[in-house]
Amino acid sequence: MLPPTPLSALELADGRLIKFPAVMGVLNVTPDSFSDGGKYLEGDRAVDHALAMEAAGADIIDVGGESSRPIGAVEVAVEVELARVAPVLERLGRRLKAPISIDTRRAEVAHVALESGAAIINDITAFEHDPEMAPLAARTKCAVVLMHMRGGPANHIKFAHYRDVVREVIDYLDARARFAVAAGVSRTRIILDPGLGFAKNAQHNLKLLAALPDLGALGYPVLVGVSRKTFVARLSVGTAAGAGERELEFGTAAANAIAIAAGASIVRVHDVGAGVAVVRMAAAIAGRDQRFRHHA
């Protein structure tokens, strides 16, 4: 059986196209995210960083106000999350050309983001945390990212136990996509994320990366987020504690290149410049270079 042909683009409600493979730049407006916590908590720095990522080639800017780091994450009140992201979203909505994604479990936060110009809801709970999220997505016709995770932001690593991680993750995401469609979300605006590092150990992550064609066979774009994660550090240098930024970026680049070759449509990265270079090269090798032929 031939692997599925990756989708070429996603059309947003306002008519903008996200051409695949695409790069999603991470903007953590938090004090405690695992990689860059606190660096962009201040509004001006957050806005400047988002604009810099866009200039470096990011196709999507993903804004989040609640950390979900594997160890030490603290769930925050919705008021705190809103206070972090709302001012940044309001300013970015007027200045960014790249679509904005809001990384949140909460419909109240997503609503504010969409009102400020966001076009994508990135929900790490795949609409399970907040019953108002699916109706909001359906009503606004936004695109959505549905991710696999067990537990919550503060404790998901405790649930990294599976009989067959690939089958269980694929079945879960298939079910959540069907739920979203039944709630009125357009099938053409659903993106699936296997949730690497979320309630998964290194072996689980590797198995899921190898099985990306099977996830892609569901017929939805697949987002992969490996950037600077603990398993990347451990595999790159043998220990998470010994990995510097250089090693993390090399390990991340290798995983992202494999993901693109395996059919992933979006990679979520912290270093957009490196991410764009990796996507361009991997897409060219895989024959998926629709945006980059003019560079040949």
C-alpha atoms as a PDB file:
ATOM      1  CA  MET A   1       0.000   0.000   0.000  1.00  0.00           C
ATOM      2  CA  LEU A   2       1.408   3.375  -1.018  1.00  0.00           C
ATOM      3  CA  PRO A   3       1.688   6.071   1.661  1.00  0.00           C
ATOM      4  CA  PRO A   4      -1.012   8.761   1.497  1.00  0.00           C
ATOM      5  CA  THR A   5      -0.320  11.847  -0.583  1.00  0.00           C
ATOM      6  CA  PRO A   6       0.118  14.771   1.836  1.00  0.00           C
ATOM      7  CA  LEU A   7      -2.379  17.592   1.460  1.00  0.00           C
ATOM      8  CA  SER A   8      -1.030  20.647  -0.335  1.00  0.00           C
ATOM      9  CA  ALA A   9      -2.703  23.480   1.591  1.00  0.00           C
ATOM     10  CA  LEU A  10      -5.303  24.527   4.132  1.00  0.00           C
ATOM     11  CA  GLU A  11      -7.727  27.345   3.370  1.00  0.00           C
ATOM     12  CA  LEU A  12      -8.676  29.545   6.304  1.00  0.00           C
ATOM     13  CA  ALA A  13     -12.088  31.115   6.779  1.00  0.00           C
ATOM     14  CA  ASP A  14     -10.848  34.476   5.473  1.00  0.00           C
ATOM     15  CA  GLY A  15      -9.530  32.893   2.276  1.00  0.00           C
ATOM     16  CA  ARG A  16      -5.846  32.848   3.221  1.00  0.00           C
ATOM     17  CA  LEU A  17      -3.969  29.681   2.291  1.00  0.00           C
ATOM     18  CA  ILE A  18      -1.412  27.914   4.449  1.00  0.00           C
ATOM     19  CA  LYS A  19       0.701  26.048   1.910  1.00  0.00           C
ATOM     20  CA  PHE A  20       2.239  22.796   3.125  1.00  0.00           C
ATOM     21  CA  PRO A  21       4.700  21.884   4.393  1.00  0.00           C
ATOM     22  CA  ALA A  22       4.531  24.843   6.755  1.00  0.00           C
ATOM     23  CA  VAL A  23       6.430  26.182   9.761  1.00  0.00           C
ATOM     24  CA  MET A  24       4.614  27.209  12.946  1.00  0.00           C
ATOM     25  CA  GLY A  25       6.624  29.566  15.160  1.00  0.00           C
ATOM     26  CA  VAL A  26       6.175  29.287  18.935  1.00  0.00           C
ATOM     27  CA  LEU A  27       5.448  32.394  21.013  1.00  0.00           C
ATOM     28  CA  ASN A  28       5.218  31.449  24.692  1.00  0.00           C
ATOM     29  CA  VAL A  29       3.817  34.356  26.681  1.00  0.00           C
ATOM     30  CA  THR A  30       4.531  32.533  29.938  1.00  0.00           C
ATOM     31  CA  PRO A  31       7.063  32.646  32.782  1.00  0.00           C
ATOM     32  CA  ASP A  32       7.574  28.862  32.921  1.00  0.00           C
ATOM     33  CA  SER A  33       7.570  27.210  29.484  1.00  0.00           C
ATOM     34  CA  PHE A  34      10.289  24.567  29.226  1.00  0.00           C
ATOM     35  CA  SER A  35      12.393  26.193  26.505  1.00  0.00           C
ATOM     36  CA  ASP A  36      11.885  29.950  26.562  1.00  0.00           C
ATOM     37  CA  GLY A  37       9.779  30.626  29.648  1.00  0.00           C
ATOM     38  CA  GLY A  38       9.838  34.288  30.609  1.00  0.00           C
ATOM     39  CA  LYS A  39      11.732  35.535  27.538  1.00  0.00           C
ATOM     40  CA  TYR A  40       8.624  36.925  25.864  1.00  0.00           C
ATOM     41  CA  LEU A  41       6.317  37.555  28.809  1.00  0.00           C
ATOM     42  CA  GLU A  42       6.740  41.301  28.373  1.00  0.00           C
ATOM     43  CA  GLY A  43       4.468  42.671  25.633  1.00  0.00           C
ATOM     44  CA  ASP A  44       6.958  44.566  23.467  1.00  0.00           C
ATOM     45  CA  ARG A  45       9.390  41.653  23.387  1.00  0.00           C
ATOM     46  CA  ALA A  46       6.587  39.241  22.517  1.00  0.00           C
ATOM     47  CA  VAL A  47       5.396  41.383  19.613  1.00  0.00           C
ATOM     48  CA  ASP A  48       8.930  41.952  18.330  1.00  0.00           C
ATOM     49  CA  HIS A  49       9.655  38.220  18.480  1.00  0.00           C
ATOM     50  CA  ALA A  50       6.476  37.357  16.582  1.00  0.00           C
ATOM     51  CA  LEU A  51       7.335  39.863  13.857  1.00  0.00           C
ATOM     52  CA  ALA A  52      10.887  38.494  13.696  1.00  0.00           C
ATOM     53  CA  MET A  53       9.558  34.937  13.283  1.00  0.00           C
ATOM     54  CA  GLU A  54       7.282  36.101  10.486  1.00  0.00           C
ATOM     55  CA  ALA A  55      10.227  37.808   8.791  1.00  0.00           C
ATOM     56  CA  ALA A  56      12.235  34.575   9.132  1.00  0.00           C
ATOM     57  CA  GLY A  57       9.556  32.696   7.215  1.00  0.00           C
ATOM     58  CA  ALA A  58       7.042  31.427   9.769  1.00  0.00           C
ATOM     59  CA  ASP A  59       3.750  30.504   8.117  1.00  0.00           C
ATOM     60  CA  ILE A  60       1.834  30.529  11.434  1.00  0.00           C
ATOM     61  CA  ILE A  61       2.508  32.179  14.802  1.00  0.00           C
ATOM     62  CA  ASP A  62       1.278  30.074  17.747  1.00  0.00           C
ATOM     63  CA  VAL A  63       0.608  32.156  20.871  1.00  0.00           C
ATOM     64  CA  GLY A  64       0.215  30.457  24.249  1.00  0.00           C
ATOM     65  CA  GLY A  65      -0.283  31.722  27.792  1.00  0.00           C
ATOM     66  CA  GLU A  66      -0.231  28.476  29.794  1.00  0.00           C
ATOM     67  CA  SER A  67       2.769  26.172  30.071  1.00  0.00           C
ATOM     68  CA  SER A  68       2.384  22.427  29.542  1.00  0.00           C
ATOM     69  CA  ARG A  69       6.014  21.474  30.191  1.00  0.00           C
ATOM     70  CA  PRO A  70       6.440  17.790  31.184  1.00  0.00           C
ATOM     71  CA  ILE A  71       7.698  18.557  34.700  1.00  0.00           C
ATOM     72  CA  GLY A  72       6.764  21.536  36.840  1.00  0.00           C
ATOM     73  CA  ALA A  73       3.930  23.054  34.814  1.00  0.00           C
ATOM     74  CA  VAL A  74       1.341  24.884  36.888  1.00  0.00           C
ATOM     75  CA  GLU A  75      -2.250  25.245  35.739  1.00  0.00           C
ATOM     76  CA  VAL A  76      -3.249  28.914  35.753  1.00  0.00           C
ATOM     77  CA  ALA A  77      -6.613  30.601  36.110  1.00  0.00           C
ATOM     78  CA  VAL A  78      -8.319  31.744  32.935  1.00  0.00           C
ATOM     79  CA  GLU A  79      -7.933  35.355  34.095  1.00  0.00           C
ATOM     80  CA  VAL A  80      -4.151  34.924  34.272  1.00  0.00           C
ATOM     81  CA  GLU A  81      -3.992  33.309  30.843  1.00  0.00           C
ATOM     82  CA  LEU A  82      -6.086  36.125  29.361  1.00  0.00           C
ATOM     83  CA  ALA A  83      -3.959  38.793  31.020  1.00  0.00           C
ATOM     84  CA  ARG A  84      -0.877  37.283  29.396  1.00  0.00           C
ATOM     85  CA  VAL A  85      -2.132  36.775  25.856  1.00  0.00           C
ATOM     86  CA  ALA A  86      -4.882  39.332  25.232  1.00  0.00           C
ATOM     87  CA  PRO A  87      -2.661  42.453  24.972  1.00  0.00           C
ATOM     88  CA  VAL A  88      -0.197  40.641  22.719  1.00  0.00           C
ATOM     89  CA  LEU A  89      -2.932  39.227  20.486  1.00  0.00           C
ATOM     90  CA  GLU A  90      -4.595  42.623  20.155  1.00  0.00           C
ATOM     91  CA  ARG A  91      -1.333  44.169  18.929  1.00  0.00           C
ATOM     92  CA  LEU A  92      -0.357  41.271  16.690  1.00  0.00           C
ATOM     93  CA  GLY A  93      -3.749  41.146  15.039  1.00  0.00           C
ATOM     94  CA  ARG A  94      -3.065  44.577  13.568  1.00  0.00           C
ATOM     95  CA  ARG A  95       0.513  43.899  12.450  1.00  0.00           C
ATOM     96  CA  LEU A  96       1.021  40.261  11.482  1.00  0.00           C
ATOM     97  CA  LYS A  97       0.258  38.981   8.000  1.00  0.00           C
ATOM     98  CA  ALA A  98       0.908  35.376   9.007  1.00  0.00           C
ATOM     99  CA  PRO A  99      -2.117  33.616  10.544  1.00  0.00           C
ATOM    100  CA  ILE A 100      -2.205  33.515  14.340  1.00  0.00           C
ATOM    101  CA  SER A 101      -2.909  30.319  16.236  1.00  0.00           C
ATOM    102  CA  ILE A 102      -4.037  30.433  19.870  1.00  0.00           C
ATOM    103  CA  ASP A 103      -2.632  27.618  22.003  1.00  0.00           C
ATOM    104  CA  THR A 104      -5.308  27.174  24.678  1.00  0.00           C
ATOM    105  CA  ARG A 105      -7.686  24.672  26.283  1.00  0.00           C
ATOM    106  CA  ARG A 106     -10.249  27.344  27.108  1.00  0.00           C
ATOM    107  CA  ALA A 107     -13.036  28.675  24.935  1.00  0.00           C
ATOM    108  CA  GLU A 108     -13.001  32.040  26.710  1.00  0.00           C
ATOM    109  CA  VAL A 109      -9.365  32.572  25.751  1.00  0.00           C
ATOM    110  CA  ALA A 110      -9.925  31.249  22.233  1.00  0.00           C
ATOM    111  CA  HIS A 111     -12.864  33.621  21.763  1.00  0.00           C
ATOM    112  CA  VAL A 112     -10.753  36.637  22.703  1.00  0.00           C
ATOM    113  CA  ALA A 113      -8.011  35.476  20.364  1.00  0.00           C
ATOM    114  CA  LEU A 114     -10.387  34.985  17.447  1.00  0.00           C
ATOM    115  CA  GLU A 115     -11.877  38.440  18.076  1.00  0.00           C
ATOM    116  CA  SER A 116      -8.327  39.810  17.859  1.00  0.00           C
ATOM    117  CA  GLY A 117      -7.723  38.183  14.487  1.00  0.00           C
ATOM    118  CA  ALA A 118      -6.510  34.657  15.288  1.00  0.00           C
ATOM    119  CA  ALA A 119      -7.521  32.067  12.697  1.00  0.00           C
ATOM    120  CA  ILE A 120      -6.627  28.765  14.385  1.00  0.00           C
ATOM    121  CA  ILE A 121      -7.397  27.175  17.754  1.00  0.00           C
ATOM    122  CA  ASN A 122      -4.613  24.844  18.913  1.00  0.00           C
ATOM    123  CA  ASP A 123      -6.199  22.747  21.676  1.00  0.00           C
ATOM    124  CA  ILE A 124      -3.901  20.264  23.430  1.00  0.00           C
ATOM    125  CA  THR A 125      -6.977  18.484  24.825  1.00  0.00           C
ATOM    126  CA  ALA A 126      -8.690  18.035  21.433  1.00  0.00           C
ATOM    127  CA  PHE A 127     -11.872  19.774  22.667  1.00  0.00           C
ATOM    128  CA  GLU A 128     -12.152  17.597  25.786  1.00  0.00           C
ATOM    129  CA  HIS A 129     -11.346  20.221  28.430  1.00  0.00           C
ATOM    130  CA  ASP A 130     -13.960  22.854  27.573  1.00  0.00           C
ATOM    131  CA  PRO A 131     -17.360  21.829  26.149  1.00  0.00           C
ATOM    132  CA  GLU A 132     -17.736  25.294  24.597  1.00  0.00           C
ATOM    133  CA  MET A 133     -14.628  24.953  22.420  1.00  0.00           C
ATOM    134  CA  ALA A 134     -16.115  22.834  19.617  1.00  0.00           C
ATOM    135  CA  PRO A 135     -19.232  25.033  19.230  1.00  0.00           C
ATOM    136  CA  LEU A 136     -16.977  28.110  19.152  1.00  0.00           C
ATOM    137  CA  ALA A 137     -14.805  26.605  16.420  1.00  0.00           C
ATOM    138  CA  ALA A 138     -17.857  25.591  14.406  1.00  0.00           C
ATOM    139  CA  ARG A 139     -19.512  28.992  14.767  1.00  0.00           C
ATOM    140  CA  THR A 140     -16.421  30.971  13.779  1.00  0.00           C
ATOM    141  CA  LYS A 141     -15.328  28.557  11.020  1.00  0.00           C
ATOM    142  CA  CYS A 142     -11.736  28.714  12.273  1.00  0.00           C
ATOM    143  CA  ALA A 143      -9.168  25.993  11.713  1.00  0.00           C
ATOM    144  CA  VAL A 144      -8.337  23.720  14.643  1.00  0.00           C
ATOM    145  CA  VAL A 145      -5.440  21.600  15.851  1.00  0.00           C
ATOM    146  CA  LEU A 146      -6.557  18.551  17.824  1.00  0.00           C
ATOM    147  CA  MET A 147      -3.779  16.996  19.893  1.00  0.00           C
ATOM    148  CA  HIS A 148      -3.450  13.706  21.745  1.00  0.00           C
ATOM    149  CA  MET A 149      -2.679  13.963  25.447  1.00  0.00           C
ATOM    150  CA  ARG A 150      -3.631  12.191  28.647  1.00  0.00           C
ATOM    151  CA  GLY A 151      -4.024  14.039  31.919  1.00  0.00           C
ATOM    152  CA  GLY A 152      -3.531  17.796  32.130  1.00  0.00           C
ATOM    153  CA  PRO A 153      -0.701  20.316  31.711  1.00  0.00           C
ATOM    154  CA  ALA A 154       0.604  19.642  35.230  1.00  0.00           C
ATOM    155  CA  ASN A 155       0.536  15.830  35.272  1.00  0.00           C
ATOM    156  CA  HIS A 156       0.426  14.327  31.757  1.00  0.00           C
ATOM    157  CA  ILE A 157       3.810  12.603  32.095  1.00  0.00           C
ATOM    158  CA  LYS A 158       2.245  10.247  34.668  1.00  0.00           C
ATOM    159  CA  PHE A 159       0.009   8.769  31.970  1.00  0.00           C
ATOM    160  CA  ALA A 160       2.731   7.591  29.562  1.00  0.00           C
ATOM    161  CA  HIS A 161       1.517   3.969  29.523  1.00  0.00           C
ATOM    162  CA  TYR A 162       0.218   2.201  26.399  1.00  0.00           C
ATOM    163  CA  ARG A 163      -0.247  -1.264  24.998  1.00  0.00           C
ATOM    164  CA  ASP A 164       0.099   0.030  21.438  1.00  0.00           C
ATOM    165  CA  VAL A 165       0.881   3.740  21.405  1.00  0.00           C
ATOM    166  CA  VAL A 166       0.512   4.136  17.636  1.00  0.00           C
ATOM    167  CA  ARG A 167      -2.879   2.454  17.429  1.00  0.00           C
ATOM    168  CA  GLU A 168      -4.203   4.205  20.533  1.00  0.00           C
ATOM    169  CA  VAL A 169      -3.115   7.670  19.403  1.00  0.00           C
ATOM    170  CA  ILE A 170      -4.476   7.201  15.877  1.00  0.00           C
ATOM    171  CA  ASP A 171      -7.792   5.847  17.147  1.00  0.00           C
ATOM    172  CA  TYR A 172      -8.109   8.723  19.624  1.00  0.00           C
ATOM    173  CA  LEU A 173      -7.398  11.419  17.040  1.00  0.00           C
ATOM    174  CA  ASP A 174      -9.760   9.795  14.560  1.00  0.00           C
ATOM    175  CA  ALA A 175     -12.491   9.855  17.212  1.00  0.00           C
ATOM    176  CA  ARG A 176     -11.808  13.481  18.169  1.00  0.00           C
ATOM    177  CA  ALA A 177     -11.848  14.569  14.517  1.00  0.00           C
ATOM    178  CA  ARG A 178     -15.204  12.831  14.085  1.00  0.00           C
ATOM    179  CA  PHE A 179     -16.442  14.597  17.213  1.00  0.00           C
ATOM    180  CA  ALA A 180     -15.362  17.966  15.816  1.00  0.00           C
ATOM    181  CA  VAL A 181     -17.066  17.317  12.473  1.00  0.00           C
ATOM    182  CA  ALA A 182     -20.252  16.249  14.258  1.00  0.00           C
ATOM    183  CA  ALA A 183     -20.109  19.529  16.198  1.00  0.00           C
ATOM    184  CA  GLY A 184     -20.030  21.492  12.943  1.00  0.00           C
ATOM    185  CA  VAL A 185     -16.301  22.012  12.354  1.00  0.00           C
ATOM    186  CA  SER A 186     -15.411  21.712   8.681  1.00  0.00           C
ATOM    187  CA  ARG A 187     -13.411  18.580   7.947  1.00  0.00           C
ATOM    188  CA  THR A 188     -11.176  20.657   5.683  1.00  0.00           C
ATOM    189  CA  ARG A 189     -10.042  22.819   8.622  1.00  0.00           C
ATOM    190  CA  ILE A 190      -8.958  20.071  11.032  1.00  0.00           C
ATOM    191  CA  ILE A 191      -5.276  19.393  11.779  1.00  0.00           C
ATOM    192  CA  LEU A 192      -4.125  16.444  13.899  1.00  0.00           C
ATOM    193  CA  ASP A 193      -1.171  16.409  16.303  1.00  0.00           C
ATOM    194  CA  PRO A 194       0.121  13.162  17.886  1.00  0.00           C
ATOM    195  CA  GLY A 195       1.292  15.146  20.901  1.00  0.00           C
ATOM    196  CA  LEU A 196       4.924  14.087  21.064  1.00  0.00           C
ATOM    197  CA  GLY A 197       6.187  14.452  24.621  1.00  0.00           C
ATOM    198  CA  PHE A 198       2.683  14.735  26.066  1.00  0.00           C
ATOM    199  CA  ALA A 199       2.049  11.624  28.183  1.00  0.00           C
ATOM    200  CA  LYS A 200       4.702   9.867  26.108  1.00  0.00           C
ATOM    201  CA  ASN A 201       8.266   8.731  26.711  1.00  0.00           C
ATOM    202  CA  ALA A 202      11.098   8.713  24.175  1.00  0.00           C
ATOM    203  CA  GLN A 203      10.200   5.302  22.742  1.00  0.00           C
ATOM    204  CA  HIS A 204       6.573   6.338  22.327  1.00  0.00           C
ATOM    205  CA  ASN A 205       7.686   9.482  20.492  1.00  0.00           C
ATOM    206  CA  LEU A 206       9.965   7.538  18.160  1.00  0.00           C
ATOM    207  CA  LYS A 207       7.253   5.020  17.322  1.00  0.00           C
ATOM    208  CA  LEU A 208       4.830   7.815  16.516  1.00  0.00           C
ATOM    209  CA  LEU A 209       7.341   9.596  14.302  1.00  0.00           C
ATOM    210  CA  ALA A 210       7.891   6.361  12.398  1.00  0.00           C
ATOM    211  CA  ALA A 211       4.118   5.915  12.060  1.00  0.00           C
ATOM    212  CA  LEU A 212       3.311   9.382  10.699  1.00  0.00           C
ATOM    213  CA  PRO A 213       2.171   7.925   7.344  1.00  0.00           C
ATOM    214  CA  ASP A 214      -0.424   5.873   9.242  1.00  0.00           C
ATOM    215  CA  LEU A 215      -1.710   8.992  10.997  1.00  0.00           C
ATOM    216  CA  GLY A 216      -1.721  10.851   7.682  1.00  0.00           C
ATOM    217  CA  ALA A 217      -3.874   8.083   6.220  1.00  0.00           C
ATOM    218  CA  LEU A 218      -6.803   9.508   8.219  1.00  0.00           C
ATOM    219  CA  GLY A 219      -6.828  12.263   5.608  1.00  0.00           C
ATOM    220  CA  TYR A 220      -6.027  15.296   7.752  1.00  0.00           C
ATOM    221  CA  PRO A 221      -2.909  17.505   7.825  1.00  0.00           C
ATOM    222  CA  VAL A 222      -0.533  16.394  10.579  1.00  0.00           C
ATOM    223  CA  LEU A 223       1.329  18.791  12.875  1.00  0.00           C
ATOM    224  CA  VAL A 224       4.510  17.627  14.609  1.00  0.00           C
ATOM    225  CA  GLY A 225       6.022  19.420  17.600  1.00  0.00           C
ATOM    226  CA  VAL A 226       9.434  18.084  18.628  1.00  0.00           C
ATOM    227  CA  SER A 227      11.273  21.376  19.025  1.00  0.00           C
ATOM    228  CA  ARG A 228      13.758  21.294  21.930  1.00  0.00           C
ATOM    229  CA  LYS A 229      11.854  18.585  23.783  1.00  0.00           C
ATOM    230  CA  THR A 230      13.463  16.441  26.457  1.00  0.00           C
ATOM    231  CA  PHE A 231      13.557  13.284  24.370  1.00  0.00           C
ATOM    232  CA  VAL A 232      15.385  15.174  21.619  1.00  0.00           C
ATOM    233  CA  ALA A 233      18.025  16.282  24.119  1.00  0.00           C
ATOM    234  CA  ARG A 234      18.436  12.808  25.570  1.00  0.00           C
ATOM    235  CA  LEU A 235      18.766  11.130  22.194  1.00  0.00           C
ATOM    236  CA  SER A 236      21.028  13.834  20.748  1.00  0.00           C
ATOM    237  CA  VAL A 237      23.651  13.885  23.527  1.00  0.00           C
ATOM    238  CA  GLY A 238      22.664  11.025  25.830  1.00  0.00           C
ATOM    239  CA  THR A 239      21.311  13.210  28.622  1.00  0.00           C
ATOM    240  CA  ALA A 240      18.807  16.035  28.827  1.00  0.00           C
ATOM    241  CA  ALA A 241      21.015  17.954  31.251  1.00  0.00           C
ATOM    242  CA  GLY A 242      24.007  17.980  28.883  1.00  0.00           C
ATOM    243  CA  ALA A 243      22.275  19.348  25.810  1.00  0.00           C
ATOM    244  CA  GLY A 244      23.053  22.895  24.776  1.00  0.00           C
ATOM    245  CA  GLU A 245      21.095  25.002  22.315  1.00  0.00           C
ATOM    246  CA  ARG A 246      23.261  23.852  19.393  1.00  0.00           C
ATOM    247  CA  GLU A 247      22.656  20.166  20.120  1.00  0.00           C
ATOM    248  CA  LEU A 248      18.949  20.732  20.628  1.00  0.00           C
ATOM    249  CA  GLU A 249      18.611  22.475  17.278  1.00  0.00           C
ATOM    250  CA  PHE A 250      20.499  19.715  15.449  1.00  0.00           C
ATOM    251  CA  GLY A 251      18.342  17.044  17.090  1.00  0.00           C
ATOM    252  CA  THR A 252      15.192  19.029  16.361  1.00  0.00           C
ATOM    253  CA  ALA A 253      16.254  19.518  12.735  1.00  0.00           C
ATOM    254  CA  ALA A 254      16.785  15.787  12.247  1.00  0.00           C
ATOM    255  CA  ALA A 255      13.371  14.920  13.680  1.00  0.00           C
ATOM    256  CA  ASN A 256      11.628  17.624  11.647  1.00  0.00           C
ATOM    257  CA  ALA A 257      13.287  16.501   8.414  1.00  0.00           C
ATOM    258  CA  ILE A 258      12.125  12.923   9.014  1.00  0.00           C
ATOM    259  CA  ALA A 259       8.633  14.185   9.852  1.00  0.00           C
ATOM    260  CA  ILE A 260       8.363  16.172   6.615  1.00  0.00           C
ATOM    261  CA  ALA A 261       9.638  13.205   4.599  1.00  0.00           C
ATOM    262  CA  ALA A 262       6.991  11.049   6.311  1.00  0.00           C
ATOM    263  CA  GLY A 263       4.198  13.404   5.278  1.00  0.00           C
ATOM    264  CA  ALA A 264       3.834  15.902   8.129  1.00  0.00           C
ATOM    265  CA  SER A 265       2.208  19.136   6.962  1.00  0.00           C
ATOM    266  CA  ILE A 266       3.342  21.475   9.761  1.00  0.00           C
ATOM    267  CA  VAL A 267       6.307  21.517  12.126  1.00  0.00           C
ATOM    268  CA  ARG A 268       6.120  23.614  15.287  1.00  0.00           C
ATOM    269  CA  VAL A 269       9.458  25.223  16.132  1.00  0.00           C
ATOM    270  CA  HIS A 270      11.167  27.739  18.389  1.00  0.00           C
ATOM    271  CA  ASP A 271      13.990  28.617  15.959  1.00  0.00           C
ATOM    272  CA  VAL A 272      12.080  29.607  12.832  1.00  0.00           C
ATOM    273  CA  GLY A 273      15.123  30.294  10.666  1.00  0.00           C
ATOM    274  CA  ALA A 274      16.466  26.785  11.204  1.00  0.00           C
ATOM    275  CA  GLY A 275      12.977  25.321  10.860  1.00  0.00           C
ATOM    276  CA  VAL A 276      12.380  26.963   7.486  1.00  0.00           C
ATOM    277  CA  ALA A 277      15.734  25.731   6.172  1.00  0.00           C
ATOM    278  CA  VAL A 278      14.967  22.184   7.309  1.00  0.00           C
ATOM    279  CA  VAL A 279      11.475  22.226   5.782  1.00  0.00           C
ATOM    280  CA  ARG A 280      12.740  23.551   2.464  1.00  0.00           C
ATOM    281  CA  MET A 281      15.454  20.921   2.201  1.00  0.00           C
ATOM    282  CA  ALA A 282      13.309  18.023   3.389  1.00  0.00           C
ATOM    283  CA  ALA A 283      10.413  19.069   1.153  1.00  0.00           C
ATOM    284  CA  ALA A 284      12.699  19.235  -1.856  1.00  0.00           C
ATOM    285  CA  ILE A 285      14.094  15.770  -1.194  1.00  0.00           C
ATOM    286  CA  ALA A 286      10.592  14.369  -0.639  1.00  0.00           C
ATOM    287  CA  GLY A 287       9.252  16.016  -3.804  1.00  0.00           C
ATOM    288  CA  ARG A 288       7.005  18.338  -1.800  1.00  0.00           C
ATOM    289  CA  ASP A 289       8.687  21.603  -2.747  1.00  0.00           C
ATOM    290  CA  GLN A 290       5.651  23.378  -4.260  1.00  0.00           C
ATOM    291  CA  ARG A 291       6.631  26.710  -2.696  1.00  0.00           C
ATOM    292  CA  PHE A 292      10.338  26.483  -3.355  1.00  0.00           C
ATOM    293  CA  ARG A 293      10.690  25.506  -7.011  1.00  0.00           C
ATOM    294  CA  HIS A 294      11.677  29.034  -7.924  1.00  0.00           C
ATOM    295  CA  HIS A 295      14.779  28.622  -5.764  1.00  0.00           C
ATOM    296  CA  ALA A 296      16.080  25.708  -7.834  1.00  0.00           C
END
